[in-house]
């Protein structure tokens, strides 16, 4: 049975919610996106959503599954949706464990329906592809409801990344400081002030452009999860809600976080060759500018010399390509600078 939403909806969205965003209590439902296919002429994509609300207070929007082969977010958010009680909450928590539901079901980074990368689809289009329609609903309906947003990522099948929480370099330094405060209190082993290769169509940028506090993560990769990464995600979700003030208590910070930063997109080391990748470093290694970090071997013939790649800066190996088969344009190693104390960001 569909529940009419009492929060006024913007026109021209084909997505509807089966929960009432204004109602107190715990609600489990769906974002329903009609999708006519060979399998079901009058079918719909049903994206699970949960809301826990208790009176007035801030709203946190918690998401995972932006890419369908990243599993810490969906797993931890499903657990939180099944355990968080309205009596523990002052305000509202909206949980969408699998944002790109078709990609999640297929176990792929992008949607099998339209090849859409959810994190390259914002601000979306109400009459666009299915991925663009989901992005549009988030951009025009869910994000305006929230004060704080946390989007949990990992490296998926093609990347391995040290476990970090991150905020972005922003023109508004007050907003940047608030976002970094949330990233630090997430409690990951590393906290990163981040620069994206291209931020123009990210969910992150869409949230930040609306003035919200936004935190993202990368929690290893390889298309799987581990007990260690799940522990970081589970603890970090509740830490983030404590940071927002929606649940009471002090964040659980079992270890000091190492603060890292990226100055610009030169931190991304990009392959100019097609071949077989041999990495000379692993995540967490410290490197000096000029160090050999990778070689790419010709995979089509013997007798061809390898092409070598060197660190363009001093720093730490933030991430690496997980899949050895490499094409021209693939990022093979990402570096970040190690910086001092994080006290300037504590709020």
Protein backbone atom coordinates (compact mmCIF):
# COMPACT_ATOMS: atom_id res chain seq x y z
CA UNK A 1 0.00 0.00 0.00
CA UNK A 2 1.40 3.39 -0.99
CA UNK A 3 1.66 6.10 1.61
CA UNK A 4 0.98 9.63 0.42
CA UNK A 5 3.85 12.00 1.19
CA UNK A 6 2.93 15.05 3.18
CA UNK A 7 6.18 16.83 2.24
CA UNK A 8 5.42 18.74 -0.95
CA UNK A 9 7.04 17.14 -3.98
CA UNK A 10 8.58 19.02 -6.82
CA UNK A 11 6.86 18.28 -10.12
CA UNK A 12 8.17 16.14 -12.95
CA UNK A 13 9.79 13.36 -10.94
CA UNK A 14 8.76 9.84 -11.88
CA UNK A 15 9.98 8.57 -8.49
CA UNK A 16 7.63 8.39 -5.52
CA UNK A 17 8.29 7.39 -1.93
CA UNK A 18 6.20 4.93 0.06
CA UNK A 19 7.14 6.60 3.35
CA UNK A 20 6.02 9.88 4.90
CA UNK A 21 9.06 12.07 5.53
CA UNK A 22 7.15 14.18 8.08
CA UNK A 23 5.96 11.31 10.28
CA UNK A 24 7.65 10.29 13.52
CA UNK A 25 8.65 6.68 14.12
CA UNK A 26 10.50 4.03 12.18
CA UNK A 27 9.42 3.50 8.57
CA UNK A 28 10.73 0.98 6.04
CA UNK A 29 9.69 1.47 2.44
CA UNK A 30 10.83 2.17 -1.09
CA UNK A 31 11.62 4.81 -3.64
CA UNK A 32 9.57 3.51 -6.55
CA UNK A 33 10.78 4.25 -10.09
CA UNK A 34 8.54 2.89 -12.87
CA UNK A 35 10.52 0.86 -15.39
CA UNK A 36 8.89 -0.90 -18.31
CA UNK A 37 11.02 -3.78 -19.54
CA UNK A 38 10.77 -7.07 -21.42
CA UNK A 39 10.52 -8.83 -18.07
CA UNK A 40 7.76 -6.60 -16.66
CA UNK A 41 5.76 -4.20 -18.81
CA UNK A 42 4.41 -2.39 -15.75
CA UNK A 43 7.41 -2.91 -13.53
CA UNK A 44 9.30 -0.65 -11.14
CA UNK A 45 12.76 -0.37 -9.66
CA UNK A 46 12.25 -0.50 -5.89
CA UNK A 47 15.03 1.25 -3.96
CA UNK A 48 14.87 0.45 -0.22
CA UNK A 49 14.64 3.44 2.11
CA UNK A 50 14.32 3.72 5.87
CA UNK A 51 13.54 6.71 8.05
CA UNK A 52 13.87 7.01 11.82
CA UNK A 53 12.37 10.25 13.13
CA UNK A 54 11.69 11.62 16.60
CA UNK A 55 10.51 15.20 16.92
CA UNK A 56 12.43 18.24 15.81
CA UNK A 57 16.13 18.27 15.13
CA UNK A 58 18.65 17.96 12.34
CA UNK A 59 18.37 15.47 9.48
CA UNK A 60 21.14 13.14 8.37
CA UNK A 61 21.00 11.46 4.96
CA UNK A 62 23.07 8.26 4.97
CA UNK A 63 23.77 6.49 1.68
CA UNK A 64 25.69 3.57 0.23
CA UNK A 65 25.71 1.60 -2.98
CA UNK A 66 26.35 4.67 -5.12
CA UNK A 67 28.45 2.13 -7.02
CA UNK A 68 27.12 -1.40 -7.06
CA UNK A 69 30.38 -3.25 -6.32
CA UNK A 70 31.12 -1.49 -3.02
CA UNK A 71 29.76 -3.38 -0.03
CA UNK A 72 30.66 -1.77 3.30
CA UNK A 73 28.04 0.95 2.86
CA UNK A 74 25.05 -1.25 1.99
CA UNK A 75 25.91 -3.83 4.65
CA UNK A 76 26.46 -1.35 7.46
CA UNK A 77 23.43 0.77 6.54
CA UNK A 78 21.14 -2.27 6.43
CA UNK A 79 22.36 -3.16 9.92
CA UNK A 80 21.79 0.39 11.16
CA UNK A 81 18.28 0.53 9.67
CA UNK A 82 17.42 -2.68 11.51
CA UNK A 83 18.83 -1.58 14.87
CA UNK A 84 18.36 2.17 15.33
CA UNK A 85 15.36 2.95 17.51
CA UNK A 86 13.40 6.19 17.35
CA UNK A 87 13.98 6.70 21.10
CA UNK A 88 17.71 6.96 20.37
CA UNK A 89 17.13 9.75 17.86
CA UNK A 90 16.41 13.46 18.22
CA UNK A 91 15.68 14.62 14.71
CA UNK A 92 15.62 12.46 11.58
CA UNK A 93 17.82 9.83 9.94
CA UNK A 94 17.13 8.88 6.31
CA UNK A 95 18.91 5.72 5.14
CA UNK A 96 19.26 4.59 1.52
CA UNK A 97 21.58 1.56 1.59
CA UNK A 98 21.71 0.93 -2.18
CA UNK A 99 21.45 4.21 -4.08
CA UNK A 100 22.05 2.68 -7.51
CA UNK A 101 19.86 -0.36 -6.92
CA UNK A 102 20.25 -1.85 -10.44
CA UNK A 103 24.05 -1.67 -10.20
CA UNK A 104 23.98 -3.21 -6.73
CA UNK A 105 21.84 -6.13 -7.88
CA UNK A 106 24.24 -6.75 -10.76
CA UNK A 107 27.36 -6.37 -8.62
CA UNK A 108 28.72 -3.78 -11.05
CA UNK A 109 30.01 -0.25 -10.67
CA UNK A 110 27.49 1.12 -13.16
CA UNK A 111 23.87 0.33 -13.92
CA UNK A 112 23.28 -2.65 -16.23
CA UNK A 113 20.18 -0.87 -17.57
CA UNK A 114 21.72 2.34 -18.90
CA UNK A 115 25.45 2.04 -18.02
CA UNK A 116 24.88 4.97 -15.68
CA UNK A 117 27.50 5.85 -13.08
CA UNK A 118 25.45 7.37 -10.26
CA UNK A 119 28.38 9.45 -9.09
CA UNK A 120 28.76 11.02 -12.54
CA UNK A 121 25.04 11.72 -13.09
CA UNK A 122 24.27 14.76 -10.90
CA UNK A 123 22.32 16.98 -10.81
CA UNK A 124 20.31 14.46 -12.82
CA UNK A 125 17.40 14.82 -15.20
CA UNK A 126 13.72 14.15 -14.39
CA UNK A 127 13.18 12.77 -17.91
CA UNK A 128 16.65 11.36 -18.44
CA UNK A 129 18.01 7.85 -18.11
CA UNK A 130 16.99 5.82 -15.08
CA UNK A 131 20.26 6.68 -13.34
CA UNK A 132 19.73 10.37 -14.06
CA UNK A 133 16.18 10.15 -12.68
CA UNK A 134 17.46 8.70 -9.40
CA UNK A 135 20.10 11.44 -9.21
CA UNK A 136 17.44 14.09 -9.88
CA UNK A 137 15.25 12.76 -7.07
CA UNK A 138 18.15 12.90 -4.64
CA UNK A 139 19.16 16.36 -5.79
CA UNK A 140 15.69 17.94 -5.69
CA UNK A 141 13.95 15.97 -2.93
CA UNK A 142 16.22 14.13 -0.50
CA UNK A 143 19.23 16.45 -0.27
CA UNK A 144 17.07 19.54 0.49
CA UNK A 145 15.61 17.62 3.46
CA UNK A 146 18.99 17.03 5.10
CA UNK A 147 21.48 19.06 7.10
CA UNK A 148 24.22 16.42 7.03
CA UNK A 149 25.05 13.77 4.42
CA UNK A 150 27.36 10.77 4.59
CA UNK A 151 28.04 8.65 1.48
CA UNK A 152 30.02 5.46 2.11
CA UNK A 153 32.30 4.26 -0.69
CA UNK A 154 35.10 1.77 -1.18
CA UNK A 155 37.25 1.02 -4.18
CA UNK A 156 35.02 -1.55 -5.85
CA UNK A 157 36.51 -4.24 -8.06
CA UNK A 158 39.18 -2.08 -9.70
CA UNK A 159 40.74 -0.14 -6.80
CA UNK A 160 42.26 -0.72 -3.37
CA UNK A 161 42.37 2.32 -1.10
CA UNK A 162 43.53 2.92 2.45
CA UNK A 163 40.48 3.31 4.72
CA UNK A 164 39.70 7.00 5.04
CA UNK A 165 36.92 9.48 5.63
CA UNK A 166 37.13 12.65 3.58
CA UNK A 167 35.88 16.13 2.97
CA UNK A 168 36.63 18.24 -0.09
CA UNK A 169 38.51 21.46 -0.58
CA UNK A 170 35.74 24.07 -0.88
CA UNK A 171 35.63 27.76 -1.68
CA UNK A 172 33.56 28.29 1.47
CA UNK A 173 36.18 27.61 4.16
CA UNK A 174 33.59 27.63 6.95
CA UNK A 175 31.68 24.86 5.20
CA UNK A 176 34.96 23.03 4.50
CA UNK A 177 35.86 23.15 8.19
CA UNK A 178 32.46 21.75 9.22
CA UNK A 179 32.79 18.93 6.68
CA UNK A 180 36.31 18.11 7.88
CA UNK A 181 35.03 18.05 11.45
CA UNK A 182 32.56 15.34 10.45
CA UNK A 183 35.23 13.42 8.55
CA UNK A 184 37.59 13.46 11.52
CA UNK A 185 34.91 12.29 13.95
CA UNK A 186 33.91 9.44 11.63
CA UNK A 187 36.98 7.82 13.17
CA UNK A 188 38.67 6.12 10.20
CA UNK A 189 42.40 5.35 10.38
CA UNK A 190 43.00 8.18 7.88
CA UNK A 191 41.19 11.48 7.27
CA UNK A 192 41.68 13.21 3.93
CA UNK A 193 41.17 16.74 2.64
CA UNK A 194 40.38 15.65 -0.89
CA UNK A 195 40.56 16.94 -4.46
CA UNK A 196 38.65 15.02 -7.15
CA UNK A 197 39.87 14.48 -10.71
CA UNK A 198 36.51 15.82 -11.91
CA UNK A 199 33.92 17.06 -9.42
CA UNK A 200 31.41 18.44 -11.92
CA UNK A 201 28.76 15.69 -11.75
CA UNK A 202 29.42 14.10 -8.36
CA UNK A 203 26.77 13.48 -5.71
CA UNK A 204 29.31 15.06 -3.37
CA UNK A 205 29.31 18.33 -5.31
CA UNK A 206 25.52 18.38 -5.55
CA UNK A 207 25.22 18.12 -1.77
CA UNK A 208 27.97 20.66 -1.09
CA UNK A 209 26.44 23.14 -3.56
CA UNK A 210 23.32 23.17 -1.38
CA UNK A 211 25.39 24.20 1.63
CA UNK A 212 25.15 20.89 3.48
CA UNK A 213 27.81 19.20 5.59
CA UNK A 214 29.08 16.33 3.45
CA UNK A 215 31.44 13.47 4.32
CA UNK A 216 32.50 10.59 2.10
CA UNK A 217 34.68 7.52 2.64
CA UNK A 218 36.82 4.99 0.86
CA UNK A 219 37.14 1.74 2.83
CA UNK A 220 39.59 -0.50 0.92
CA UNK A 221 38.21 -2.24 -2.19
CA UNK A 222 38.68 -5.25 -4.43
CA UNK A 223 34.93 -5.77 -4.70
CA UNK A 224 34.56 -7.24 -1.21
CA UNK A 225 34.41 -6.30 2.45
CA UNK A 226 36.40 -7.51 5.45
CA UNK A 227 35.77 -7.67 9.21
CA UNK A 228 38.15 -4.73 9.61
CA UNK A 229 36.44 -2.51 7.04
CA UNK A 230 32.99 -3.42 8.36
CA UNK A 231 34.08 -2.43 11.87
CA UNK A 232 35.21 0.96 10.54
CA UNK A 233 31.89 1.48 8.74
CA UNK A 234 29.69 0.36 11.65
CA UNK A 235 31.53 2.54 14.15
CA UNK A 236 31.81 5.45 11.74
CA UNK A 237 28.07 5.61 11.04
CA UNK A 238 27.23 5.99 14.71
CA UNK A 239 30.12 8.41 15.21
CA UNK A 240 28.74 10.55 12.40
CA UNK A 241 25.27 10.59 13.96
CA UNK A 242 26.85 11.65 17.26
CA UNK A 243 28.70 14.40 15.40
CA UNK A 244 25.36 15.69 14.05
CA UNK A 245 23.78 15.63 17.51
CA UNK A 246 21.00 13.31 16.33
CA UNK A 247 22.09 10.60 18.77
CA UNK A 248 23.76 11.24 22.11
CA UNK A 249 27.22 10.32 23.24
CA UNK A 250 30.84 10.91 22.40
CA UNK A 251 32.30 9.44 19.20
CA UNK A 252 34.15 6.14 19.62
CA UNK A 253 37.67 6.93 18.42
CA UNK A 254 39.81 3.84 19.10
CA UNK A 255 42.91 5.28 17.44
CA UNK A 256 44.34 8.58 16.33
CA UNK A 257 43.54 9.37 12.72
CA UNK A 258 46.32 10.37 10.34
CA UNK A 259 45.46 13.57 8.50
CA UNK A 260 46.24 13.63 4.76
CA UNK A 261 45.64 16.18 2.04
CA UNK A 262 45.62 16.47 -1.74
CA UNK A 263 46.75 19.77 -3.21
CA UNK A 264 45.48 19.16 -6.74
CA UNK A 265 44.78 16.42 -9.28
CA UNK A 266 48.51 15.76 -9.84
CA UNK A 267 48.15 13.28 -6.96
CA UNK A 268 46.53 10.94 -9.48
CA UNK A 269 49.15 9.02 -11.49
CA UNK A 270 47.61 7.97 -14.81
CA UNK A 271 48.78 5.21 -17.12
CA UNK A 272 49.81 6.29 -20.60
CA UNK A 273 50.16 2.68 -21.68
CA UNK A 274 48.08 -0.41 -22.25
CA UNK A 275 49.56 -3.46 -20.60
CA UNK A 276 50.08 -5.57 -17.50
CA UNK A 277 50.51 -3.47 -14.36
CA UNK A 278 53.29 -4.33 -11.92
CA UNK A 279 53.01 -2.17 -8.82
CA UNK A 280 56.19 -1.39 -6.90
CA UNK A 281 54.35 0.04 -3.89
CA UNK A 282 51.36 -0.88 -1.79
CA UNK A 283 48.76 1.23 -0.04
CA UNK A 284 50.10 2.99 3.04
CA UNK A 285 53.69 3.07 1.78
CA UNK A 286 55.61 6.33 2.09
CA UNK A 287 57.32 7.44 -1.11
CA UNK A 288 59.71 10.20 -2.17
CA UNK A 289 59.39 12.18 -5.37
CA UNK A 290 61.14 10.21 -8.13
CA UNK A 291 60.64 6.76 -6.56
CA UNK A 292 59.62 3.99 -8.95
CA UNK A 293 55.97 3.23 -8.18
CA UNK A 294 54.83 1.05 -11.11
CA UNK A 295 55.78 -0.59 -14.37
CA UNK A 296 53.46 -1.43 -17.25
CA UNK A 297 54.52 -4.39 -19.38
CA UNK A 298 53.50 -4.96 -22.99
CA UNK A 299 50.98 -7.80 -22.83
CA UNK A 300 50.82 -8.44 -26.57
CA UNK A 301 54.41 -9.40 -27.36
CA UNK A 302 57.74 -10.33 -25.78
CA UNK A 303 60.88 -8.27 -26.27
CA UNK A 304 59.20 -4.91 -25.64
CA UNK A 305 60.59 -2.90 -22.72
CA UNK A 306 58.32 -1.99 -19.82
CA UNK A 307 57.29 1.60 -19.25
CA UNK A 308 58.03 2.90 -15.77
CA UNK A 309 56.14 5.38 -13.59
CA UNK A 310 57.63 7.49 -10.82
CA UNK A 311 56.21 9.36 -7.85
CA UNK A 312 55.53 12.99 -8.69
CA UNK A 313 55.61 14.07 -5.05
CA UNK A 314 56.55 13.07 -1.53
CA UNK A 315 53.69 11.37 0.26
CA UNK A 316 51.78 8.24 1.11
CA UNK A 317 50.19 5.74 -1.27
CA UNK A 318 46.51 6.52 -0.86
CA UNK A 319 45.19 4.11 -3.47
CA UNK A 320 46.22 1.77 -6.24
CA UNK A 321 44.67 0.03 -9.19
CA UNK A 322 43.51 -3.41 -8.07
CA UNK A 323 43.12 -5.02 -11.49
CA UNK A 324 46.48 -5.79 -13.19
CA UNK A 325 45.19 -5.41 -16.77
CA UNK A 326 45.57 -1.71 -17.46
CA UNK A 327 44.46 0.59 -20.25
CA UNK A 328 45.63 4.04 -21.29
CA UNK A 329 43.94 6.53 -18.97
CA UNK A 330 43.58 4.25 -15.95
CA UNK A 331 44.69 5.69 -12.62
CA UNK A 332 47.34 3.31 -11.32
CA UNK A 333 48.52 5.03 -8.12
CA UNK A 334 47.15 7.91 -6.03
CA UNK A 335 49.36 9.77 -3.57
CA UNK A 336 48.52 12.17 -0.77
CA UNK A 337 50.61 14.39 1.47
CA UNK A 338 50.95 13.65 5.17
CA UNK A 339 50.19 16.72 7.28
CA UNK A 340 50.32 17.60 10.94
CA UNK A 341 47.70 17.74 13.65
CA UNK A 342 43.99 18.01 12.94
CA UNK A 343 43.15 20.47 15.72
CA UNK A 344 42.24 23.27 13.29
CA UNK A 345 39.29 21.24 12.04
CA UNK A 346 37.83 20.15 15.36
CA UNK A 347 34.41 21.79 15.89
